Amino acid sequence: MARVLFIVSGATYWVLKDGTRYATGYWAEEFANPYKILTDAGHEIVVATPNGVTPSVDMMSLRPEMVGGNDSALELEAVIRSAEVMRRPLRLSDVRLEDYDGVYLPGGHGPMSDLAWDADAGRLLTQQLTSGNPLFIVCHAPASMLATRIHGESPFKGFDITCFTNEEEEGVGLAPLAPWLLETDVQEKVGVNFSRGPIWEPYMVEDRNLVTGQNPASAAILGNRMLEILK
């Protein structure tokens, strides 16, 4: 069985353009769906965060209207509650990538607040990408690619990716308040080749050992792809 590292945001808020703190964290289904897919198949998950802080779920991501109803919300909550690994994360600075068969980063707005600027996240992503081992990143978590830049150059330059779109950011009402927009900055500052599907629909892009997903609905298809690759 495989051992998969989940690199999760430790942020609890994101400072908006007007200086207000927008409560955030990781997005429930982006953690819970791949976690359940992998653990049900017998794989082991280890969680790591900046400074080993316990990650916080974005409470909006557990609202029934955000996840397709009460039953779905309760299922996500049950998975998160059962995931003991979320309560004892490693520090990113202590992670040894040779201990893992794959790496996955769930989103939520949290990564826009911490992983995008985290030197350890940048180092680990660079190592994983260049090793050729599987790297899966969904929704807002491609923000972490910004942390891989050294003198303005990122190893992700020229890779085909997707991520949460500006149109989706407008849909949740944050685009006018956001200090930066992910779709714009990963293209302008990292130099990736960006593509997307319809808003809120599952969409996945695979380029070499890098697999990215557009939005929360894409997390399950990334989880299933992980399952195929790790078998």
Protein backbone atom coordinates (compact mmCIF):
# COMPACT_ATOMS: atom_id res chain seq x y z
CA MET A 1 0.00 0.00 0.00
CA ALA A 2 1.11 3.54 -0.71
CA ARG A 3 1.87 6.40 1.66
CA VAL A 4 0.62 9.80 0.51
CA LEU A 5 1.59 13.19 1.93
CA PHE A 6 -1.21 15.77 2.13
CA ILE A 7 0.23 19.30 2.32
CA VAL A 8 -2.57 21.35 3.90
CA SER A 9 -2.89 25.07 4.60
CA GLY A 10 -2.73 26.11 8.23
CA ALA A 11 -4.33 29.51 7.58
CA THR A 12 -7.52 30.58 9.33
CA TYR A 13 -8.03 33.83 7.44
CA TRP A 14 -7.02 35.69 4.27
CA VAL A 15 -6.40 39.45 4.40
CA LEU A 16 -8.43 41.14 1.66
CA LYS A 17 -7.61 44.32 -0.24
CA ASP A 18 -9.51 46.49 2.23
CA GLY A 19 -7.60 44.98 5.17
CA THR A 20 -10.47 42.84 6.47
CA ARG A 21 -9.82 39.24 7.54
CA TYR A 22 -11.83 36.73 5.52
CA ALA A 23 -12.30 33.51 7.53
CA THR A 24 -10.98 30.53 5.58
CA GLY A 25 -8.94 27.33 5.84
CA TYR A 26 -8.96 24.16 3.73
CA TRP A 27 -12.05 23.24 1.69
CA ALA A 28 -13.87 20.23 3.15
CA GLU A 29 -14.54 18.11 0.06
CA GLU A 30 -11.03 18.76 -1.31
CA PHE A 31 -9.59 17.05 1.75
CA ALA A 32 -12.35 14.57 2.54
CA ASN A 33 -13.06 13.05 -0.88
CA PRO A 34 -9.45 12.10 -1.80
CA TYR A 35 -8.79 11.11 1.82
CA LYS A 36 -11.74 8.69 1.81
CA ILE A 37 -10.94 7.33 -1.67
CA LEU A 38 -7.34 6.57 -0.68
CA THR A 39 -7.92 5.29 2.85
CA ASP A 40 -10.83 3.06 1.74
CA ALA A 41 -8.34 1.44 -0.65
CA GLY A 42 -5.93 0.84 2.23
CA HIS A 43 -3.44 3.65 1.56
CA GLU A 44 -1.89 5.65 4.38
CA ILE A 45 -2.24 9.46 4.60
CA VAL A 46 0.17 11.75 6.45
CA VAL A 47 -0.67 15.45 6.84
CA ALA A 48 1.86 18.28 7.00
CA THR A 49 1.24 22.00 7.51
CA PRO A 50 3.35 25.15 7.97
CA ASN A 51 4.83 24.93 11.49
CA GLY A 52 2.73 21.82 12.18
CA VAL A 53 -0.38 23.85 13.03
CA THR A 54 -3.69 21.98 13.14
CA PRO A 55 -5.55 22.81 9.92
CA SER A 56 -8.93 24.51 10.09
CA VAL A 57 -11.80 23.64 7.79
CA ASP A 58 -13.47 26.56 6.01
CA MET A 59 -16.92 26.41 7.62
CA MET A 60 -18.55 27.63 4.41
CA SER A 61 -17.44 24.38 2.77
CA LEU A 62 -19.65 22.40 5.15
CA ARG A 63 -22.82 24.33 4.35
CA PRO A 64 -25.41 22.03 2.75
CA GLU A 65 -26.01 24.50 -0.10
CA MET A 66 -22.29 24.37 -0.99
CA VAL A 67 -22.03 20.58 -1.17
CA GLY A 68 -25.33 19.41 -2.60
CA GLY A 69 -27.46 18.92 0.50
CA ASN A 70 -27.54 17.92 4.14
CA ASP A 71 -26.48 14.32 3.60
CA SER A 72 -23.35 15.35 1.71
CA ALA A 73 -22.46 17.90 4.38
CA LEU A 74 -22.86 15.31 7.15
CA GLU A 75 -20.76 12.77 5.22
CA LEU A 76 -17.93 15.30 4.77
CA GLU A 77 -18.11 16.22 8.45
CA ALA A 78 -17.93 12.55 9.44
CA VAL A 79 -14.83 11.95 7.28
CA ILE A 80 -13.08 15.01 8.72
CA ARG A 81 -13.99 14.04 12.27
CA SER A 82 -12.62 10.53 11.73
CA ALA A 83 -9.33 11.77 10.22
CA GLU A 84 -7.01 11.64 13.22
CA VAL A 85 -4.07 12.59 10.99
CA MET A 86 -5.46 16.13 10.76
CA ARG A 87 -4.99 16.56 14.51
CA ARG A 88 -1.30 15.64 14.53
CA PRO A 89 0.26 17.12 11.40
CA LEU A 90 3.97 17.18 10.70
CA ARG A 91 5.83 20.43 10.18
CA LEU A 92 6.54 21.02 6.51
CA SER A 93 10.15 21.69 7.48
CA ASP A 94 10.44 18.12 8.88
CA VAL A 95 9.06 16.30 5.81
CA ARG A 96 11.29 13.82 3.96
CA LEU A 97 9.75 13.26 0.53
CA GLU A 98 11.51 9.91 0.10
CA ASP A 99 9.07 8.56 2.72
CA TYR A 100 6.07 9.07 0.39
CA ASP A 101 4.75 7.65 -2.86
CA GLY A 102 2.78 10.75 -3.80
CA VAL A 103 1.94 14.29 -2.68
CA TYR A 104 -1.48 15.99 -2.70
CA LEU A 105 -2.49 19.58 -1.91
CA PRO A 106 -6.15 20.43 -1.22
CA GLY A 107 -7.32 24.00 -1.64
CA GLY A 108 -9.71 26.44 -0.06
CA HIS A 109 -8.61 30.06 0.17
CA GLY A 110 -6.11 29.05 2.88
CA PRO A 111 -3.20 28.41 0.44
CA MET A 112 -3.64 31.96 -0.91
CA SER A 113 -2.76 33.15 2.59
CA ASP A 114 0.11 30.85 3.60
CA LEU A 115 1.35 28.22 1.11
CA ALA A 116 1.85 30.82 -1.64
CA TRP A 117 4.64 32.37 0.43
CA ASP A 118 5.92 29.35 2.37
CA ALA A 119 9.55 28.49 1.63
CA ASP A 120 9.18 24.89 2.84
CA ALA A 121 6.12 24.36 0.61
CA GLY A 122 8.07 25.80 -2.32
CA ARG A 123 11.04 23.53 -1.64
CA LEU A 124 8.89 20.40 -1.31
CA LEU A 125 6.91 21.13 -4.48
CA THR A 126 10.10 21.72 -6.43
CA GLN A 127 11.62 18.46 -5.15
CA GLN A 128 8.47 16.46 -5.88
CA LEU A 129 8.07 17.90 -9.37
CA THR A 130 11.69 17.30 -10.35
CA SER A 131 11.72 13.80 -8.82
CA GLY A 132 9.11 12.62 -11.32
CA ASN A 133 6.94 11.24 -8.51
CA PRO A 134 3.19 11.98 -8.52
CA LEU A 135 2.09 15.48 -7.51
CA PHE A 136 -1.62 16.35 -7.30
CA ILE A 137 -2.88 19.89 -6.66
CA VAL A 138 -6.48 21.14 -6.68
CA CYS A 139 -8.48 24.39 -6.77
CA HIS A 140 -6.65 27.22 -4.89
CA ALA A 141 -3.67 25.04 -3.88
CA PRO A 142 -1.72 25.86 -7.10
CA ALA A 143 -1.09 29.14 -5.24
CA SER A 144 1.79 27.17 -3.69
CA MET A 145 3.53 27.22 -7.08
CA LEU A 146 4.34 30.89 -6.45
CA ALA A 147 6.53 29.80 -3.53
CA THR A 148 8.74 27.75 -5.90
CA ARG A 149 10.17 30.83 -7.63
CA ILE A 150 13.87 31.55 -7.24
CA HIS A 151 14.96 34.84 -8.82
CA GLY A 152 11.59 34.92 -10.54
CA GLU A 153 11.89 31.47 -12.15
CA SER A 154 9.71 28.48 -11.27
CA PRO A 155 10.22 24.82 -12.23
CA PHE A 156 6.48 24.79 -13.04
CA LYS A 157 7.05 27.19 -15.95
CA GLY A 158 5.70 25.67 -19.16
CA PHE A 159 3.60 23.00 -17.40
CA ASP A 160 -0.05 22.58 -18.39
CA ILE A 161 -2.27 23.21 -15.36
CA THR A 162 -5.71 24.25 -14.24
CA CYS A 163 -6.88 25.95 -11.03
CA PHE A 164 -9.80 27.88 -9.54
CA THR A 165 -10.79 30.39 -12.22
CA ASN A 166 -11.29 34.13 -12.01
CA GLU A 167 -14.88 33.53 -13.10
CA GLU A 168 -15.43 31.16 -10.16
CA GLU A 169 -13.84 33.73 -7.82
CA GLU A 170 -16.35 36.25 -9.14
CA GLY A 171 -19.09 33.68 -8.54
CA VAL A 172 -18.27 33.47 -4.82
CA GLY A 173 -18.11 37.27 -4.66
CA LEU A 174 -14.41 37.55 -3.74
CA ALA A 175 -12.85 38.71 -7.01
CA PRO A 176 -13.28 42.47 -6.33
CA LEU A 177 -11.86 42.10 -2.80
CA ALA A 178 -9.07 39.61 -3.48
CA PRO A 179 -5.53 41.03 -3.19
CA TRP A 180 -4.62 38.79 -6.13
CA LEU A 181 -6.30 36.30 -8.43
CA LEU A 182 -4.91 32.81 -8.80
CA GLU A 183 -5.68 32.22 -12.48
CA THR A 184 -3.96 35.51 -13.36
CA ASP A 185 -0.89 35.16 -11.15
CA VAL A 186 0.00 31.54 -11.95
CA GLN A 187 0.17 32.52 -15.59
CA GLU A 188 1.93 35.86 -15.17
CA LYS A 189 4.30 34.97 -12.31
CA VAL A 190 4.87 31.23 -12.71
CA GLY A 191 4.53 30.94 -16.49
CA VAL A 192 2.22 27.92 -16.65
CA ASN A 193 -0.02 27.05 -19.59
CA PHE A 194 -3.52 27.45 -18.17
CA SER A 195 -6.72 25.76 -19.31
CA ARG A 196 -10.15 25.38 -17.75
CA GLY A 197 -13.55 23.75 -18.02
CA PRO A 198 -17.00 25.13 -17.27
CA ILE A 199 -17.34 26.74 -13.85
CA TRP A 200 -18.12 24.39 -10.94
CA GLU A 201 -17.72 21.31 -13.17
CA PRO A 202 -14.96 18.69 -12.62
CA TYR A 203 -11.91 19.41 -14.78
CA MET A 204 -8.46 17.80 -14.55
CA VAL A 205 -5.20 18.43 -16.38
CA GLU A 206 -2.31 15.95 -16.41
CA ASP A 207 1.18 16.94 -17.57
CA ARG A 208 4.01 14.52 -16.85
CA ASN A 209 3.91 13.78 -13.09
CA LEU A 210 1.75 16.85 -12.29
CA VAL A 211 -2.04 16.49 -12.04
CA THR A 212 -4.18 19.56 -11.28
CA GLY A 213 -7.90 20.09 -10.72
CA GLN A 214 -9.95 23.24 -11.25
CA ASN A 215 -12.35 23.40 -8.32
CA PRO A 216 -13.89 21.49 -5.39
CA ALA A 217 -15.83 19.20 -7.74
CA SER A 218 -12.49 18.13 -9.26
CA ALA A 219 -11.09 16.74 -6.00
CA ALA A 220 -12.82 13.36 -6.33
CA ILE A 221 -11.54 12.82 -9.88
CA LEU A 222 -8.03 13.66 -8.66
CA GLY A 223 -8.51 11.16 -5.84
CA ASN A 224 -9.51 8.45 -8.30
CA ARG A 225 -6.56 9.30 -10.55
CA MET A 226 -4.25 9.02 -7.54
CA LEU A 227 -5.69 5.60 -6.89
CA GLU A 228 -4.90 4.51 -10.47
CA ILE A 229 -1.34 5.86 -10.37
CA LEU A 230 -0.47 4.56 -6.90
CA LYS A 231 -1.68 0.98 -7.48
